[in-house]
C-alpha atoms as a PDB file:
ATOM      1  CA  MET A   1     -17.006  -6.418  12.283  1.00  0.00           C
ATOM      2  CA  ARG A   2     -16.327  -9.820  10.937  1.00  0.00           C
ATOM      3  CA  PHE A   3     -15.570  -8.108   7.567  1.00  0.00           C
ATOM      4  CA  VAL A   4     -12.886  -5.822   9.130  1.00  0.00           C
ATOM      5  CA  LEU A   5     -11.612  -9.109  10.589  1.00  0.00           C
ATOM      6  CA  LEU A   6     -11.420 -11.070   7.618  1.00  0.00           C
ATOM      7  CA  CYS A   7      -9.805  -7.933   5.819  1.00  0.00           C
ATOM      8  CA  ALA A   8      -6.983  -7.607   8.523  1.00  0.00           C
ATOM      9  CA  ALA A   9      -6.724 -11.673   8.314  1.00  0.00           C
ATOM     10  CA  ALA A  10      -6.529 -11.154   4.458  1.00  0.00           C
ATOM     11  CA  LEU A  11      -3.651  -8.495   4.860  1.00  0.00           C
ATOM     12  CA  ALA A  12      -1.704 -10.441   7.355  1.00  0.00           C
ATOM     13  CA  ALA A  13      -2.186 -13.584   5.100  1.00  0.00           C
ATOM     14  CA  ALA A  14      -0.782 -11.512   1.900  1.00  0.00           C
ATOM     15  CA  PRO A  15       3.174 -12.048   2.480  1.00  0.00           C
ATOM     16  CA  ALA A  16       2.175 -15.963   2.320  1.00  0.00           C
ATOM     17  CA  ILE A  17       0.295 -15.755  -1.058  1.00  0.00           C
ATOM     18  CA  ALA A  18       2.625 -12.874  -2.460  1.00  0.00           C
ATOM     19  CA  GLN A  19      -0.500 -10.962  -4.099  1.00  0.00           C
ATOM     20  CA  ASP A  20      -1.081  -7.390  -4.503  1.00  0.00           C
ATOM     21  CA  LEU A  21      -3.755  -5.510  -2.859  1.00  0.00           C
ATOM     22  CA  VAL A  22      -5.689  -2.838  -4.343  1.00  0.00           C
ATOM     23  CA  ALA A  23      -8.081   0.096  -3.570  1.00  0.00           C
ATOM     24  CA  ARG A  24     -10.058   1.743  -5.655  1.00  0.00           C
ATOM     25  CA  GLN A  25     -12.097   5.208  -5.720  1.00  0.00           C
ATOM     26  CA  GLY A  26     -13.670   5.994  -9.022  1.00  0.00           C
ATOM     27  CA  ASN A  27     -10.693   5.918 -11.765  1.00  0.00           C
ATOM     28  CA  ASP A  28      -8.181   6.055  -8.830  1.00  0.00           C
ATOM     29  CA  ILE A  29      -6.098   2.963  -7.523  1.00  0.00           C
ATOM     30  CA  VAL A  30      -3.481   2.361  -5.263  1.00  0.00           C
ATOM     31  CA  ARG A  31      -1.702  -1.026  -5.644  1.00  0.00           C
ATOM     32  CA  LEU A  32       0.288  -2.283  -2.399  1.00  0.00           C
ATOM     33  CA  ALA A  33       2.927  -4.929  -3.068  1.00  0.00           C
ATOM     34  CA  ASP A  34       4.300  -7.203  -0.579  1.00  0.00           C
ATOM     35  CA  GLY A  35       7.953  -6.397  -1.727  1.00  0.00           C
ATOM     36  CA  PRO A  36      10.194  -4.087  -0.204  1.00  0.00           C
ATOM     37  CA  CYS A  37      10.297  -0.241  -0.786  1.00  0.00           C
ATOM     38  CA  THR A  38      12.513   0.296  -3.722  1.00  0.00           C
ATOM     39  CA  SER A  39      11.800   4.046  -4.509  1.00  0.00           C
ATOM     40  CA  GLU A  40      14.790   5.919  -4.233  1.00  0.00           C
ATOM     41  CA  GLN A  41      12.526   9.380  -3.907  1.00  0.00           C
ATOM     42  CA  VAL A  42      10.397   7.962  -1.337  1.00  0.00           C
ATOM     43  CA  LEU A  43      13.199   6.299   0.571  1.00  0.00           C
ATOM     44  CA  ALA A  44      15.163   9.626   0.829  1.00  0.00           C
ATOM     45  CA  ARG A  45      12.242  11.005   2.670  1.00  0.00           C
ATOM     46  CA  LEU A  46      12.486   8.221   5.404  1.00  0.00           C
ATOM     47  CA  GLN A  47      14.648   7.925   8.119  1.00  0.00           C
ATOM     48  CA  PRO A  48      17.354   5.016   7.364  1.00  0.00           C
ATOM     49  CA  GLU A  49      16.257   3.034  10.428  1.00  0.00           C
ATOM     50  CA  LEU A  50      12.379   3.316   8.984  1.00  0.00           C
ATOM     51  CA  GLN A  51      13.378   2.349   5.653  1.00  0.00           C
ATOM     52  CA  SER A  52      12.768  -1.497   5.945  1.00  0.00           C
ATOM     53  CA  ARG A  53       9.671  -1.287   7.347  1.00  0.00           C
ATOM     54  CA  PHE A  54       7.906   0.040   4.213  1.00  0.00           C
ATOM     55  CA  LYS A  55       7.062  -2.093   1.011  1.00  0.00           C
ATOM     56  CA  ALA A  56       6.421  -0.979  -2.337  1.00  0.00           C
ATOM     57  CA  ALA A  57       3.070   0.734  -3.654  1.00  0.00           C
ATOM     58  CA  LEU A  58       2.084   2.407  -6.966  1.00  0.00           C
ATOM     59  CA  ALA A  59      -1.015   4.784  -7.201  1.00  0.00           C
ATOM     60  CA  VAL A  60      -2.611   6.065 -10.124  1.00  0.00           C
ATOM     61  CA  VAL A  61      -4.609   9.502  -9.108  1.00  0.00           C
ATOM     62  CA  GLU A  62      -6.376  11.619 -11.796  1.00  0.00           C
ATOM     63  CA  GLY A  63      -4.273   9.733 -14.546  1.00  0.00           C
ATOM     64  CA  ARG A  64      -0.785  10.427 -13.042  1.00  0.00           C
ATOM     65  CA  THR A  65       1.054   7.591 -11.979  1.00  0.00           C
ATOM     66  CA  PHE A  66       3.108   7.838  -8.569  1.00  0.00           C
ATOM     67  CA  GLU A  67       5.334   5.397  -6.853  1.00  0.00           C
ATOM     68  CA  ALA A  68       4.813   5.006  -2.930  1.00  0.00           C
ATOM     69  CA  CYS A  69       5.636   3.086  -0.324  1.00  0.00           C
ATOM     70  CA  TRP A  70       3.300   1.783   2.506  1.00  0.00           C
ATOM     71  CA  ARG A  71       3.416   0.296   5.724  1.00  0.00           C
ATOM     72  CA  ARG A  72       0.563  -1.182   7.935  1.00  0.00           C
ATOM     73  CA  ALA A  73      -0.422   1.199  11.019  1.00  0.00           C
ATOM     74  CA  GLY A  74      -3.311  -0.497  12.812  1.00  0.00           C
ATOM     75  CA  ASN A  75      -6.436  -0.653  10.680  1.00  0.00           C
ATOM     76  CA  ALA A  76      -5.178   1.169   8.156  1.00  0.00           C
ATOM     77  CA  ALA A  77      -2.313   1.312   5.180  1.00  0.00           C
ATOM     78  CA  LEU A  78       0.119   4.444   5.448  1.00  0.00           C
ATOM     79  CA  LEU A  79       1.303   5.505   2.272  1.00  0.00           C
ATOM     80  CA  LEU A  80       4.219   8.118   1.492  1.00  0.00           C
ATOM     81  CA  TYR A  81       4.518   9.118  -2.246  1.00  0.00           C
ATOM     82  CA  GLU A  82       7.379  10.097  -4.165  1.00  0.00           C
ATOM     83  CA  ASP A  83       6.196  13.953  -4.082  1.00  0.00           C
ATOM     84  CA  GLY A  84       6.106  13.802  -0.241  1.00  0.00           C
ATOM     85  CA  ASP A  85       2.161  13.634  -0.189  1.00  0.00           C
ATOM     86  CA  GLN A  86       1.130  11.207   2.323  1.00  0.00           C
ATOM     87  CA  GLY A  87      -2.117   9.285   2.298  1.00  0.00           C
ATOM     88  CA  ILE A  88      -4.038   6.545   4.309  1.00  0.00           C
ATOM     89  CA  VAL A  89      -6.187   3.527   3.090  1.00  0.00           C
ATOM     90  CA  PRO A  90      -8.350   1.485   5.463  1.00  0.00           C
ATOM     91  CA  LEU A  91      -7.803  -2.120   5.480  1.00  0.00           C
ATOM     92  CA  ALA A  92     -11.284  -2.413   4.633  1.00  0.00           C
ATOM     93  CA  ASN A  93     -10.961  -0.915   1.427  1.00  0.00           C
ATOM     94  CA  LEU A  94      -7.998  -3.386   0.125  1.00  0.00           C
ATOM     95  CA  LYS A  95      -8.778  -6.251  -1.989  1.00  0.00           C
ATOM     96  CA  PRO A  96      -6.865  -8.940  -3.607  1.00  0.00           C
ATOM     97  CA  ALA A  97      -5.552  -7.771  -7.272  1.00  0.00           C
ATOM     98  CA  LEU A  98      -7.099  -9.573  -9.948  1.00  0.00           C
ATOM     99  CA  THR A  99      -4.750 -11.244 -12.444  1.00  0.00           C
ATOM    100  CA  ALA A 100      -5.315 -12.382 -15.771  1.00  0.00           C
END
């Protein structure tokens, strides 16, 4: 339970440190940014009043790179990909991105 609360606190603090968060599963990765969504393909799929709620994301799935946008929903990050697919990443799976 503490771990889940710690992850939720880390996500809430993410805007203050402006660091990307990542989730990995095998070779697949989702990177969630703190900046606004800028993908025209994704934004076109959202109602105008919802667009400002979404932030930028990038995913590499089976070697293919996809632009995406995300927003927090409870204990998960909801993603909408450029091809219209959707995904959910539990907050507990997100870690700060390592920088070189």
